[in-house]
């Protein structure tokens, strides 16, 4: 247990005298071995981080936009230069393959680059002579200290959905990463310091529900950004708003991919495997339900099975691994339990991931058999009401539902309580246009299986996949991390005089 992760507050790691009162173990998911420990924050540590953020806010909010942009560009360059190092950290704690870790960093960098345009993004409006001698203009100002609570599946990208814009707009930040893979947040904190960000603008507290609840309740925290499961997203939204905070809480998903009979089935099969089993299915945008419009179901399932058999499952640090382990043993056991429940409900277990071959050694030749493994799993002829259909499994289990028509497929998607992402595969432009209009989901892909928007659009779902009115990053992100203010001004000239007690009106 050589690794020890502690909080980052006020520009440096928190010095601890002896062991913290509460700690959590860190694991290498590929071996199942404990690799270190992370300190868990209590109320005192959270208060210390918020106090550091509140103290730094006074100066950072008055920093010129030019200065803020300079720091953002420096952070971008440092992150780009050291992305491989950060990817190795992610692999060691999350388990995803190295290329996937690099991919999440690249998508996070897009938001950093978008935030570098903050001088343009914060421009207000101006109306001259709105009334006689009166001008009206609008400005946007930062909120203050803001909290970001991020999940385990994207320890770098998800925080980067939020903190670049928050910092660029003049706010200060407290990040609470997942206790399962906390090191990425500290690495990013070090890069911010090297980039010249003043101490206290970016802080990290580690821990569990104790830290989360204190951030939700703390009177100096002005907003909360959250990504996680729907039950926790609902709790964060309801608790945060009860304490008067602005909250954006992104919840769970059950993403459907509708395949029409005219689709390129090879393309659709590739997409289903890529989107269903990438990062071991631990993505909120993973395709977990494939809706096949018959008569293509049998052929499509066969093509998917062929591709699944060739997937190389092994340690994320191995260059030839295509899918790694799940993040923890507890999570692996929970996901694996759905194999039995799917069988019990009457679904056809077409590919059993429990039997998939696993690479037995890591890059150093060490055995990995005790890792948190489950291979890609495929159920066919799944029906709504079955647990494998209803629940967000967050693992490498893909369910195939057969329908007889486009209309039946869309009705199935729209009836689902989640509304995060969806996709349609077709060569019919009219059908695709109809689908993007009719489907009740926040992010839509047309022959694109994982329709995560680029940074200058916004990420977020509908229904039980989002609590709050604003999505992540893009224009919504700028709006979320700033408050609008309208100013009406008149500068009197020497000819002014007289008294008018009437209600002011335009003329």
Protein backbone atom coordinates (compact mmCIF):
# COMPACT_ATOMS: atom_id res chain seq x y z
CA UNK A 1 0.00 0.00 0.00
CA UNK A 2 2.45 2.63 -1.23
CA UNK A 3 -0.07 5.23 -2.37
CA UNK A 4 -1.65 7.79 -0.03
CA UNK A 5 -4.10 10.33 -1.44
CA UNK A 6 -5.15 13.28 0.68
CA UNK A 7 -7.08 16.49 0.14
CA UNK A 8 -5.80 19.46 -1.87
CA UNK A 9 -6.76 22.70 -0.17
CA UNK A 10 -5.42 26.21 -0.63
CA UNK A 11 -2.90 25.23 -3.28
CA UNK A 12 -1.25 22.22 -1.64
CA UNK A 13 -1.89 18.74 -0.27
CA UNK A 14 -3.22 18.76 3.28
CA UNK A 15 -0.55 17.76 5.77
CA UNK A 16 -1.84 15.05 8.08
CA UNK A 17 -0.37 14.17 11.44
CA UNK A 18 -0.77 10.41 11.50
CA UNK A 19 -3.60 8.56 9.83
CA UNK A 20 -6.84 10.34 8.95
CA UNK A 21 -9.79 9.29 11.16
CA UNK A 22 -11.46 7.67 8.14
CA UNK A 23 -9.86 6.25 5.02
CA UNK A 24 -10.81 4.09 2.07
CA UNK A 25 -8.80 1.47 0.21
CA UNK A 26 -7.68 1.96 -3.38
CA UNK A 27 -7.54 -1.06 -5.70
CA UNK A 28 -5.94 -2.09 -8.95
CA UNK A 29 -9.05 -3.46 -10.69
CA UNK A 30 -6.96 -5.75 -12.90
CA UNK A 31 -5.42 -7.64 -9.97
CA UNK A 32 -7.85 -6.99 -7.14
CA UNK A 33 -4.93 -5.86 -4.97
CA UNK A 34 -5.04 -2.92 -2.58
CA UNK A 35 -2.61 -0.27 -3.84
CA UNK A 36 -3.10 2.50 -1.31
CA UNK A 37 -5.53 4.54 0.70
CA UNK A 38 -7.43 7.79 0.35
CA UNK A 39 -8.35 10.09 3.23
CA UNK A 40 -12.07 10.70 3.78
CA UNK A 41 -13.04 14.27 4.61
CA UNK A 42 -15.16 15.12 7.60
CA UNK A 43 -17.07 18.35 8.09
CA UNK A 44 -13.91 20.15 9.23
CA UNK A 45 -11.98 19.34 6.04
CA UNK A 46 -14.89 20.35 3.81
CA UNK A 47 -15.26 23.61 5.72
CA UNK A 48 -11.53 24.23 5.31
CA UNK A 49 -11.77 23.74 1.54
CA UNK A 50 -14.83 25.97 1.21
CA UNK A 51 -13.15 28.64 3.34
CA UNK A 52 -10.11 28.53 1.05
CA UNK A 53 -12.38 28.88 -1.98
CA UNK A 54 -14.33 31.74 -0.39
CA UNK A 55 -11.12 33.57 0.51
CA UNK A 56 -9.70 33.18 -2.99
CA UNK A 57 -12.92 34.32 -4.64
CA UNK A 58 -12.51 37.96 -3.66
CA UNK A 59 -9.35 38.31 -5.76
CA UNK A 60 -10.13 35.84 -8.52
CA UNK A 61 -13.47 37.42 -9.43
CA UNK A 62 -11.70 40.77 -9.91
CA UNK A 63 -8.89 39.25 -11.99
CA UNK A 64 -9.04 40.52 -15.55
CA UNK A 65 -10.42 38.22 -18.18
CA UNK A 66 -7.06 38.46 -19.88
CA UNK A 67 -5.34 37.07 -16.78
CA UNK A 68 -7.87 34.26 -16.39
CA UNK A 69 -7.46 33.32 -20.04
CA UNK A 70 -3.68 33.25 -19.68
CA UNK A 71 -3.99 30.72 -16.85
CA UNK A 72 -6.48 28.63 -18.84
CA UNK A 73 -4.18 28.46 -21.86
CA UNK A 74 -1.26 27.46 -19.62
CA UNK A 75 -3.37 24.73 -18.00
CA UNK A 76 -4.40 23.49 -21.42
CA UNK A 77 -0.80 23.20 -22.57
CA UNK A 78 0.30 21.40 -19.41
CA UNK A 79 -2.58 18.94 -19.57
CA UNK A 80 -1.96 18.25 -23.24
CA UNK A 81 1.75 17.64 -22.61
CA UNK A 82 1.12 15.29 -19.67
CA UNK A 83 -2.01 13.51 -20.83
CA UNK A 84 -0.24 10.15 -21.04
CA UNK A 85 0.78 10.39 -17.39
CA UNK A 86 -2.77 11.19 -16.36
CA UNK A 87 -4.09 8.32 -18.49
CA UNK A 88 -1.84 5.86 -16.66
CA UNK A 89 -3.20 7.13 -13.33
CA UNK A 90 -6.77 6.57 -14.55
CA UNK A 91 -5.98 3.07 -15.78
CA UNK A 92 -4.40 2.11 -12.47
CA UNK A 93 -7.47 3.04 -10.41
CA UNK A 94 -10.42 2.73 -12.79
CA UNK A 95 -9.27 -0.19 -14.92
CA UNK A 96 -10.26 1.12 -18.36
CA UNK A 97 -7.80 0.57 -21.19
CA UNK A 98 -5.14 3.21 -21.86
CA UNK A 99 -6.62 4.38 -25.17
CA UNK A 100 -10.00 4.92 -23.51
CA UNK A 101 -8.37 6.95 -20.73
CA UNK A 102 -6.65 9.10 -23.35
CA UNK A 103 -10.02 9.53 -25.05
CA UNK A 104 -11.71 10.89 -21.93
CA UNK A 105 -8.86 13.35 -21.42
CA UNK A 106 -9.21 14.52 -25.02
CA UNK A 107 -12.93 15.17 -24.55
CA UNK A 108 -12.24 17.04 -21.33
CA UNK A 109 -9.63 19.13 -23.13
CA UNK A 110 -12.33 20.23 -25.56
CA UNK A 111 -14.14 21.96 -22.70
CA UNK A 112 -10.91 23.57 -21.49
CA UNK A 113 -10.37 24.94 -25.00
CA UNK A 114 -13.96 26.17 -25.14
CA UNK A 115 -13.44 27.94 -21.81
CA UNK A 116 -10.36 29.66 -23.25
CA UNK A 117 -12.85 31.66 -25.31
CA UNK A 118 -14.37 33.17 -22.16
CA UNK A 119 -13.80 36.79 -23.33
CA UNK A 120 -16.31 36.15 -26.09
CA UNK A 121 -18.59 33.95 -23.98
CA UNK A 122 -19.03 36.60 -21.26
CA UNK A 123 -19.86 39.45 -23.59
CA UNK A 124 -23.11 41.13 -22.63
CA UNK A 125 -25.55 43.22 -24.63
CA UNK A 126 -25.92 46.99 -24.92
CA UNK A 127 -28.84 49.12 -26.03
CA UNK A 128 -28.18 52.81 -26.51
CA UNK A 129 -31.01 55.30 -26.05
CA UNK A 130 -33.51 52.73 -24.78
CA UNK A 131 -35.37 55.76 -23.51
CA UNK A 132 -34.44 59.39 -23.77
CA UNK A 133 -30.90 59.70 -22.47
CA UNK A 134 -30.99 56.18 -21.02
CA UNK A 135 -28.84 53.21 -21.97
CA UNK A 136 -29.43 49.61 -20.89
CA UNK A 137 -26.85 46.84 -20.84
CA UNK A 138 -26.39 43.36 -19.45
CA UNK A 139 -23.46 41.73 -17.70
CA UNK A 140 -22.76 38.28 -16.28
CA UNK A 141 -20.96 37.83 -12.97
CA UNK A 142 -19.59 34.77 -11.12
CA UNK A 143 -21.49 33.03 -8.34
CA UNK A 144 -18.73 32.41 -5.77
CA UNK A 145 -17.45 29.05 -4.46
CA UNK A 146 -19.01 26.18 -6.43
CA UNK A 147 -18.99 22.42 -5.76
CA UNK A 148 -18.44 19.62 -8.28
CA UNK A 149 -19.30 16.04 -7.27
CA UNK A 150 -18.08 13.58 -9.90
CA UNK A 151 -18.46 9.81 -10.48
CA UNK A 152 -15.88 7.05 -10.83
CA UNK A 153 -16.38 6.27 -14.51
CA UNK A 154 -14.71 9.41 -15.88
CA UNK A 155 -12.41 10.76 -13.17
CA UNK A 156 -10.87 13.37 -15.48
CA UNK A 157 -13.49 14.17 -18.12
CA UNK A 158 -16.55 14.72 -15.94
CA UNK A 159 -14.88 17.27 -13.61
CA UNK A 160 -13.61 18.99 -16.77
CA UNK A 161 -17.18 19.32 -17.95
CA UNK A 162 -17.59 21.88 -15.18
CA UNK A 163 -14.49 23.44 -13.64
CA UNK A 164 -12.95 25.07 -16.76
CA UNK A 165 -16.00 27.26 -17.30
CA UNK A 166 -16.51 27.83 -13.58
CA UNK A 167 -12.94 29.06 -13.17
CA UNK A 168 -12.92 31.03 -16.42
CA UNK A 169 -16.06 32.87 -15.31
CA UNK A 170 -14.40 33.94 -12.04
CA UNK A 171 -15.70 31.31 -9.60
CA UNK A 172 -13.68 29.21 -7.21
CA UNK A 173 -14.09 25.44 -7.02
CA UNK A 174 -14.27 22.53 -4.59
CA UNK A 175 -14.19 19.13 -6.33
CA UNK A 176 -15.32 15.94 -4.57
CA UNK A 177 -14.21 13.06 -6.83
CA UNK A 178 -15.19 9.45 -6.44
CA UNK A 179 -13.36 7.71 -3.63
CA UNK A 180 -12.79 4.78 -6.01
CA UNK A 181 -10.35 6.66 -8.29
CA UNK A 182 -9.37 9.94 -6.60
CA UNK A 183 -5.84 10.50 -7.89
CA UNK A 184 -6.79 12.18 -11.18
CA UNK A 185 -8.33 15.14 -9.34
CA UNK A 186 -5.14 15.76 -7.36
CA UNK A 187 -3.09 15.50 -10.55
CA UNK A 188 -5.29 18.17 -12.16
CA UNK A 189 -4.92 20.35 -9.07
CA UNK A 190 -1.16 20.20 -9.43
CA UNK A 191 -1.41 21.26 -13.08
CA UNK A 192 -3.58 24.24 -12.14
CA UNK A 193 -0.98 25.39 -9.63
CA UNK A 194 1.79 25.01 -12.18
CA UNK A 195 -0.31 27.01 -14.66
CA UNK A 196 -0.41 29.94 -12.25
CA UNK A 197 -3.90 29.59 -10.79
CA UNK A 198 -3.96 31.37 -7.40
CA UNK A 199 -4.09 29.15 -4.34
CA UNK A 200 -7.60 28.36 -3.18
CA UNK A 201 -9.29 28.73 -6.56
CA UNK A 202 -9.20 24.94 -7.13
CA UNK A 203 -9.60 22.60 -4.16
CA UNK A 204 -10.18 18.86 -3.81
CA UNK A 205 -11.78 17.00 -0.91
CA UNK A 206 -12.04 13.22 -0.92
CA UNK A 207 -14.59 11.07 0.83
CA UNK A 208 -18.10 9.77 0.89
CA UNK A 209 -21.60 10.93 1.83
CA UNK A 210 -20.28 12.98 4.76
CA UNK A 211 -18.38 15.25 2.37
CA UNK A 212 -21.24 15.36 -0.12
CA UNK A 213 -23.81 16.34 2.49
CA UNK A 214 -21.62 19.09 3.90
CA UNK A 215 -21.10 20.58 0.44
CA UNK A 216 -24.86 20.48 -0.16
CA UNK A 217 -25.55 22.22 3.14
CA UNK A 218 -22.66 24.69 3.37
CA UNK A 219 -23.98 28.26 3.19
CA UNK A 220 -20.95 29.54 1.23
CA UNK A 221 -21.32 27.01 -1.61
CA UNK A 222 -23.37 28.74 -4.28
CA UNK A 223 -23.92 25.92 -6.77
CA UNK A 224 -23.53 22.17 -7.11
CA UNK A 225 -22.77 20.18 -10.26
CA UNK A 226 -23.27 16.43 -10.01
CA UNK A 227 -23.06 13.36 -12.25
CA UNK A 228 -24.09 9.93 -11.00
CA UNK A 229 -27.03 7.57 -10.59
CA UNK A 230 -30.58 8.84 -10.76
CA UNK A 231 -31.47 8.20 -7.08
CA UNK A 232 -28.41 10.15 -5.91
CA UNK A 233 -28.96 12.86 -8.54
CA UNK A 234 -32.48 13.35 -7.23
CA UNK A 235 -31.15 13.51 -3.65
CA UNK A 236 -28.47 16.04 -4.60
CA UNK A 237 -30.97 18.21 -6.45
CA UNK A 238 -33.59 18.16 -3.72
CA UNK A 239 -31.10 18.72 -0.91
CA UNK A 240 -29.07 21.39 -2.68
CA UNK A 241 -32.08 23.40 -3.77
CA UNK A 242 -33.56 23.13 -0.30
CA UNK A 243 -30.45 24.94 0.93
CA UNK A 244 -30.90 27.64 -1.71
CA UNK A 245 -28.26 26.49 -4.19
CA UNK A 246 -28.24 26.39 -7.93
CA UNK A 247 -28.03 22.68 -8.88
CA UNK A 248 -27.43 20.72 -12.06
CA UNK A 249 -27.65 16.99 -11.34
CA UNK A 250 -27.14 14.55 -14.20
CA UNK A 251 -28.54 11.12 -13.45
CA UNK A 252 -28.64 7.63 -14.91
CA UNK A 253 -29.54 6.24 -18.29
CA UNK A 254 -30.86 3.29 -20.24
CA UNK A 255 -29.74 4.20 -23.74
CA UNK A 256 -31.47 2.54 -26.69
CA UNK A 257 -30.10 2.06 -30.19
CA UNK A 258 -32.80 1.58 -32.82
CA UNK A 259 -31.74 -0.38 -35.92
CA UNK A 260 -34.06 -0.18 -38.95
CA UNK A 261 -34.19 -2.90 -41.64
CA UNK A 262 -32.44 -0.69 -44.21
CA UNK A 263 -29.42 -0.01 -41.95
CA UNK A 264 -25.88 -1.12 -42.73
CA UNK A 265 -25.83 -4.08 -40.34
CA UNK A 266 -22.05 -4.35 -40.22
CA UNK A 267 -21.84 -0.69 -39.18
CA UNK A 268 -24.65 -1.23 -36.64
CA UNK A 269 -22.97 -4.33 -35.18
CA UNK A 270 -19.64 -2.51 -34.83
CA UNK A 271 -21.43 0.39 -33.14
CA UNK A 272 -23.34 -1.86 -30.75
CA UNK A 273 -20.15 -3.59 -29.59
CA UNK A 274 -18.18 -0.34 -29.33
CA UNK A 275 -20.91 1.51 -27.45
CA UNK A 276 -22.03 -1.42 -25.34
CA UNK A 277 -18.71 -2.71 -24.07
CA UNK A 278 -16.27 0.21 -24.21
CA UNK A 279 -15.00 1.03 -20.70
CA UNK A 280 -16.67 -2.26 -19.66
CA UNK A 281 -20.05 -0.59 -20.12
CA UNK A 282 -19.35 1.85 -17.28
CA UNK A 283 -20.57 4.88 -19.22
CA UNK A 284 -23.75 6.88 -18.79
CA UNK A 285 -23.85 7.08 -22.59
CA UNK A 286 -23.26 3.35 -23.17
CA UNK A 287 -25.76 1.59 -25.39
CA UNK A 288 -27.40 -0.97 -23.13
CA UNK A 289 -30.48 -1.80 -25.22
CA UNK A 290 -30.40 -2.60 -28.92
CA UNK A 291 -33.86 -2.34 -30.49
CA UNK A 292 -33.90 -4.42 -33.67
CA UNK A 293 -36.74 -3.89 -36.13
CA UNK A 294 -37.35 -7.36 -37.58
CA UNK A 295 -36.62 -9.07 -39.90
CA UNK A 296 -33.01 -7.98 -39.18
CA UNK A 297 -32.82 -9.24 -35.58
CA UNK A 298 -31.32 -12.66 -36.22
CA UNK A 299 -28.66 -11.43 -38.64
CA UNK A 300 -27.74 -8.49 -36.42
CA UNK A 301 -27.41 -10.63 -33.29
CA UNK A 302 -25.20 -13.06 -35.19
CA UNK A 303 -22.90 -10.26 -36.34
CA UNK A 304 -22.66 -8.91 -32.80
CA UNK A 305 -21.81 -12.36 -31.43
CA UNK A 306 -18.99 -12.76 -33.93
CA UNK A 307 -17.46 -9.43 -32.90
CA UNK A 308 -17.83 -10.12 -29.18
CA UNK A 309 -15.92 -13.37 -29.50
CA UNK A 310 -12.90 -11.47 -30.82
CA UNK A 311 -12.79 -8.85 -28.06
CA UNK A 312 -9.56 -8.92 -26.07
CA UNK A 313 -10.34 -8.51 -22.37
CA UNK A 314 -7.37 -7.82 -20.12
CA UNK A 315 -5.54 -5.26 -17.99
CA UNK A 316 -5.94 -1.67 -19.16
CA UNK A 317 -2.19 -1.16 -19.14
CA UNK A 318 -1.73 -3.83 -21.83
CA UNK A 319 -1.52 -2.28 -25.26
CA UNK A 320 -3.64 -4.95 -26.94
CA UNK A 321 -6.48 -4.98 -24.38
CA UNK A 322 -9.77 -3.66 -25.73
CA UNK A 323 -11.82 -3.96 -22.54
CA UNK A 324 -10.62 -3.88 -18.95
CA UNK A 325 -12.09 -4.99 -15.62
CA UNK A 326 -14.87 -3.34 -13.68
CA UNK A 327 -13.93 -0.75 -11.10
CA UNK A 328 -14.46 -2.74 -7.86
CA UNK A 329 -15.27 -6.25 -6.75
CA UNK A 330 -18.58 -5.12 -5.26
CA UNK A 331 -19.63 -3.50 -8.52
CA UNK A 332 -18.51 -6.53 -10.55
CA UNK A 333 -20.61 -8.82 -8.35
CA UNK A 334 -23.63 -6.58 -8.72
CA UNK A 335 -23.32 -6.49 -12.52
CA UNK A 336 -22.74 -10.24 -12.68
CA UNK A 337 -25.93 -10.84 -10.67
CA UNK A 338 -27.92 -9.52 -13.65
CA UNK A 339 -26.81 -12.54 -15.69
CA UNK A 340 -28.76 -14.81 -13.34
CA UNK A 341 -31.71 -12.45 -13.03
CA UNK A 342 -31.94 -12.13 -16.81
CA UNK A 343 -32.06 -15.90 -17.14
CA UNK A 344 -34.67 -16.12 -14.40
CA UNK A 345 -36.83 -13.56 -16.19
CA UNK A 346 -36.77 -15.58 -19.40
CA UNK A 347 -34.28 -13.68 -21.55
CA UNK A 348 -31.98 -15.69 -23.84
CA UNK A 349 -28.36 -15.58 -22.70
CA UNK A 350 -26.70 -15.55 -26.10
CA UNK A 351 -23.16 -14.75 -24.91
CA UNK A 352 -22.14 -15.41 -21.28
CA UNK A 353 -19.42 -12.97 -20.28
CA UNK A 354 -18.53 -15.05 -17.25
CA UNK A 355 -16.91 -17.50 -19.67
CA UNK A 356 -15.02 -14.97 -21.78
CA UNK A 357 -11.23 -15.55 -21.82
CA UNK A 358 -9.29 -13.03 -19.76
CA UNK A 359 -5.65 -12.11 -20.35
CA UNK A 360 -3.87 -13.86 -17.51
CA UNK A 361 -0.90 -11.53 -17.12
CA UNK A 362 -0.27 -7.80 -17.00
CA UNK A 363 2.56 -6.03 -18.86
CA UNK A 364 5.05 -7.24 -16.22
CA UNK A 365 3.95 -10.86 -16.39
CA UNK A 366 2.10 -10.77 -13.06
CA UNK A 367 -1.09 -12.85 -12.77
CA UNK A 368 -4.38 -10.95 -12.97
CA UNK A 369 -6.89 -13.71 -12.33
CA UNK A 370 -8.09 -12.09 -9.11
CA UNK A 371 -9.15 -8.87 -10.83
CA UNK A 372 -12.71 -7.60 -11.10
CA UNK A 373 -13.52 -9.31 -14.39
CA UNK A 374 -16.68 -9.85 -16.39
CA UNK A 375 -16.53 -10.32 -20.14
CA UNK A 376 -19.01 -8.89 -22.67
CA UNK A 377 -22.47 -10.38 -22.21
CA UNK A 378 -25.40 -10.48 -24.63
CA UNK A 379 -29.08 -11.16 -23.91
CA UNK A 380 -31.57 -11.61 -26.74
CA UNK A 381 -35.38 -11.39 -26.76
CA UNK A 382 -35.45 -9.13 -23.74
CA UNK A 383 -38.77 -7.58 -22.74
CA UNK A 384 -39.67 -4.47 -20.71
CA UNK A 385 -40.24 -5.49 -17.12
CA UNK A 386 -37.18 -7.71 -16.98
CA UNK A 387 -34.50 -6.41 -14.62
CA UNK A 388 -31.87 -6.41 -17.37
CA UNK A 389 -34.11 -4.03 -19.29
CA UNK A 390 -35.43 -1.85 -16.49
CA UNK A 391 -32.25 -1.21 -14.48
CA UNK A 392 -29.18 0.84 -15.29
CA UNK A 393 -26.66 -1.99 -14.98
CA UNK A 394 -23.51 0.06 -15.69
CA UNK A 395 -21.58 -2.92 -16.93
CA UNK A 396 -20.83 -4.98 -20.08
CA UNK A 397 -24.33 -6.39 -20.59
CA UNK A 398 -26.17 -5.62 -23.83
CA UNK A 399 -29.86 -6.46 -24.21
CA UNK A 400 -31.58 -7.00 -27.57
CA UNK A 401 -35.29 -6.22 -27.86
CA UNK A 402 -37.17 -7.28 -31.00
CA UNK A 403 -39.88 -4.99 -32.43
CA UNK A 404 -41.94 -5.18 -35.60
CA UNK A 405 -41.87 -1.54 -36.71
CA UNK A 406 -40.26 1.87 -36.37
CA UNK A 407 -43.33 3.10 -34.48
CA UNK A 408 -43.08 0.29 -31.92
CA UNK A 409 -39.38 1.03 -31.40
CA UNK A 410 -39.92 4.75 -30.80
CA UNK A 411 -42.81 4.05 -28.44
CA UNK A 412 -40.56 1.71 -26.45
CA UNK A 413 -37.84 4.35 -26.12
CA UNK A 414 -40.27 7.10 -25.18
CA UNK A 415 -41.92 4.94 -22.53
CA UNK A 416 -38.63 4.46 -20.70
CA UNK A 417 -38.23 6.64 -17.58
CA UNK A 418 -34.71 7.64 -18.64
CA UNK A 419 -33.96 10.05 -21.46
CA UNK A 420 -30.22 10.49 -21.67
CA UNK A 421 -28.96 9.35 -25.08
CA UNK A 422 -30.29 7.37 -28.01
CA UNK A 423 -29.28 6.46 -31.55
CA UNK A 424 -30.86 5.34 -34.79
CA UNK A 425 -29.11 3.37 -37.51
CA UNK A 426 -30.67 3.75 -40.93
CA UNK A 427 -29.94 4.83 -44.50
CA UNK A 428 -33.33 6.57 -44.74
CA UNK A 429 -32.94 10.31 -44.20
CA UNK A 430 -36.66 10.80 -43.73
CA UNK A 431 -36.81 8.18 -40.99
CA UNK A 432 -33.80 9.71 -39.26
CA UNK A 433 -35.33 13.18 -39.38
CA UNK A 434 -38.62 11.87 -38.02
CA UNK A 435 -36.76 10.04 -35.23
CA UNK A 436 -34.79 13.06 -34.02
CA UNK A 437 -38.07 15.00 -33.87
CA UNK A 438 -40.21 12.35 -32.19
CA UNK A 439 -37.86 10.70 -29.70
CA UNK A 440 -38.07 12.04 -26.13
CA UNK A 441 -34.38 11.96 -25.28
CA UNK A 442 -31.88 14.76 -24.70
CA UNK A 443 -29.03 13.58 -26.98
CA UNK A 444 -29.62 11.85 -30.30
CA UNK A 445 -27.21 10.08 -32.64
CA UNK A 446 -27.96 9.35 -36.28
CA UNK A 447 -25.63 6.50 -37.25
CA UNK A 448 -23.56 7.66 -34.25
CA UNK A 449 -23.87 5.31 -31.25
CA UNK A 450 -22.53 7.59 -28.49
CA UNK A 451 -23.82 11.09 -29.29
CA UNK A 452 -21.84 13.06 -26.69
CA UNK A 453 -21.99 16.67 -27.92
CA UNK A 454 -18.84 18.63 -28.67
CA UNK A 455 -17.87 21.26 -26.12
CA UNK A 456 -19.67 24.20 -27.72
CA UNK A 457 -22.98 22.40 -27.43
CA UNK A 458 -24.26 21.10 -24.08
CA UNK A 459 -24.50 17.65 -22.50
CA UNK A 460 -27.62 16.47 -20.72
CA UNK A 461 -30.68 14.27 -20.92
CA UNK A 462 -34.39 14.48 -20.28
CA UNK A 463 -36.78 12.89 -17.80
CA UNK A 464 -35.10 10.97 -14.95
CA UNK A 465 -31.66 11.56 -16.48
CA UNK A 466 -31.49 15.24 -15.49
CA UNK A 467 -32.55 17.27 -12.46
CA UNK A 468 -32.31 21.00 -12.94
CA UNK A 469 -32.79 23.29 -15.90
CA UNK A 470 -29.29 23.50 -17.37
CA UNK A 471 -27.05 20.97 -19.07
CA UNK A 472 -23.29 20.62 -18.71
CA UNK A 473 -20.77 22.80 -20.56
CA UNK A 474 -21.47 24.76 -23.74
CA UNK A 475 -23.75 27.79 -23.53
CA UNK A 476 -25.68 26.18 -20.66
CA UNK A 477 -22.45 25.89 -18.67
CA UNK A 478 -21.70 29.59 -19.05
CA UNK A 479 -25.23 30.43 -17.94
CA UNK A 480 -25.03 28.07 -14.96
CA UNK A 481 -21.79 29.46 -13.53
CA UNK A 482 -22.77 33.13 -13.90
CA UNK A 483 -25.63 35.39 -12.85
CA UNK A 484 -27.14 37.91 -15.20
CA UNK A 485 -27.45 41.54 -14.24
CA UNK A 486 -29.20 44.28 -16.20
CA UNK A 487 -28.04 47.86 -15.73
CA UNK A 488 -30.07 50.92 -16.69
CA UNK A 489 -28.01 54.12 -16.72
CA UNK A 490 -28.46 57.82 -17.36
CA UNK A 491 -25.78 60.46 -17.22
CA UNK A 492 -27.32 63.85 -16.65
CA UNK A 493 -26.37 66.76 -18.84
CA UNK A 494 -26.37 70.42 -17.71
CA UNK A 495 -29.81 71.02 -19.18
CA UNK A 496 -31.49 68.63 -16.73
CA UNK A 497 -33.86 70.07 -14.21
CA UNK A 498 -37.27 69.79 -12.63
CA UNK A 499 -39.12 67.18 -10.58
CA UNK A 500 -41.41 64.45 -11.87
CA UNK A 501 -43.08 62.19 -9.32
CA UNK A 502 -44.83 60.05 -11.91
CA UNK A 503 -44.04 56.39 -12.62
CA UNK A 504 -41.16 56.21 -15.13
CA UNK A 505 -42.33 55.28 -18.64
CA UNK A 506 -40.72 55.04 -22.04
CA UNK A 507 -41.27 57.81 -24.51
